[in-house]
Amino acid sequence: MKALQSEDRYSNYDDIPLFLDANELIKVLGLSRSNVYEMLRSDSFPSIISGNRKLVRKEKLFAWLDAHENAPVETPKKLKSTSSTF
């Protein structure tokens, strides 16, 4: 996987598009694709659906980040094992 280079990120708030798709969120947040898609699937994340795409308004993204700045990290629920232990 290609690491994000400095030219792949935004250096100014005004340069960030009004609506961000998954690729733009990766650039803005510096997260992996899987983490961004996990966020987009979350009910608490402020995304809208446009056709088959999920988009996030820039203002809503930064408001969401401010609101979750000191929130505890939610860990995935562990799957119950269906196999018996030996």
Protein backbone atom coordinates (compact mmCIF):
# COMPACT_ATOMS: atom_id res chain seq x y z
CA MET A 1 0.00 0.00 0.00
CA LYS A 2 1.26 3.46 -0.90
CA ALA A 3 1.92 5.76 2.05
CA LEU A 4 0.43 9.23 1.86
CA GLN A 5 2.93 11.82 0.74
CA SER A 6 2.74 15.42 1.92
CA GLU A 7 1.40 16.48 -1.51
CA ASP A 8 -1.46 13.96 -1.07
CA ARG A 9 -2.79 15.90 1.93
CA TYR A 10 -4.42 19.28 2.24
CA SER A 11 -2.37 22.02 3.86
CA ASN A 12 -5.19 24.54 4.21
CA TYR A 13 -8.78 24.24 5.45
CA ASP A 14 -10.03 26.33 2.53
CA ASP A 15 -8.55 23.84 0.04
CA ILE A 16 -10.66 20.98 1.39
CA PRO A 17 -13.72 20.36 -0.81
CA LEU A 18 -17.19 21.18 0.54
CA PHE A 19 -18.21 17.50 0.26
CA LEU A 20 -15.72 14.69 0.87
CA ASP A 21 -15.89 11.13 -0.40
CA ALA A 22 -13.88 8.22 1.02
CA ASN A 23 -10.75 9.13 -0.95
CA GLU A 24 -10.87 12.73 0.25
CA LEU A 25 -11.40 11.57 3.86
CA ILE A 26 -8.29 9.41 3.55
CA LYS A 27 -6.31 12.50 2.49
CA VAL A 28 -7.77 14.79 5.16
CA LEU A 29 -7.61 12.38 8.09
CA GLY A 30 -4.57 10.33 7.11
CA LEU A 31 -6.42 7.10 7.92
CA SER A 32 -6.43 3.81 6.09
CA ARG A 33 -9.17 3.02 3.59
CA SER A 34 -10.64 0.36 5.89
CA ASN A 35 -10.81 2.80 8.82
CA VAL A 36 -12.53 5.42 6.67
CA TYR A 37 -15.10 2.91 5.40
CA GLU A 38 -15.72 1.78 8.98
CA MET A 39 -16.39 5.40 9.95
CA LEU A 40 -18.74 5.87 6.98
CA ARG A 41 -20.75 2.81 8.10
CA SER A 42 -21.12 4.17 11.63
CA ASP A 43 -24.56 5.55 12.52
CA SER A 44 -22.95 8.39 14.47
CA PHE A 45 -20.80 9.61 11.57
CA PRO A 46 -22.40 12.51 9.62
CA SER A 47 -22.53 11.10 6.11
CA ILE A 48 -25.12 11.54 3.39
CA ILE A 49 -25.89 9.21 0.51
CA SER A 50 -25.67 10.47 -3.06
CA GLY A 51 -26.44 7.65 -5.47
CA ASN A 52 -24.16 4.81 -4.39
CA ARG A 53 -21.64 7.13 -2.68
CA LYS A 54 -21.44 8.34 0.89
CA LEU A 55 -20.32 11.94 1.27
CA VAL A 56 -19.53 14.10 4.28
CA ARG A 57 -19.91 17.89 4.44
CA LYS A 58 -16.65 19.52 5.47
CA GLU A 59 -18.28 21.48 8.32
CA LYS A 60 -20.01 18.36 9.66
CA LEU A 61 -16.75 16.40 9.58
CA PHE A 62 -14.90 18.96 11.67
CA ALA A 63 -17.83 19.36 14.08
CA TRP A 64 -17.91 15.56 14.49
CA LEU A 65 -14.15 15.50 15.12
CA ASP A 66 -14.47 18.24 17.75
CA ALA A 67 -17.31 16.37 19.48
CA HIS A 68 -15.36 13.10 19.52
CA GLU A 69 -11.94 14.50 20.34
CA ASN A 70 -11.79 13.08 23.88
CA ALA A 71 -14.33 10.29 23.46
CA PRO A 72 -13.22 6.78 24.35
CA VAL A 73 -12.33 4.60 21.40
CA GLU A 74 -14.97 1.99 20.65
CA THR A 75 -13.47 -1.43 20.18
CA PRO A 76 -15.11 -4.03 17.95
CA LYS A 77 -17.11 -6.72 19.70
CA LYS A 78 -15.29 -9.99 19.86
CA LEU A 79 -16.78 -12.78 17.82
CA LYS A 80 -17.85 -15.82 19.73
CA SER A 81 -15.85 -18.84 18.78
CA THR A 82 -17.90 -21.72 17.42
CA SER A 83 -15.06 -24.22 17.62
CA SER A 84 -14.36 -26.18 20.75
CA THR A 85 -11.07 -25.82 22.53
CA PHE A 86 -8.74 -28.80 22.67
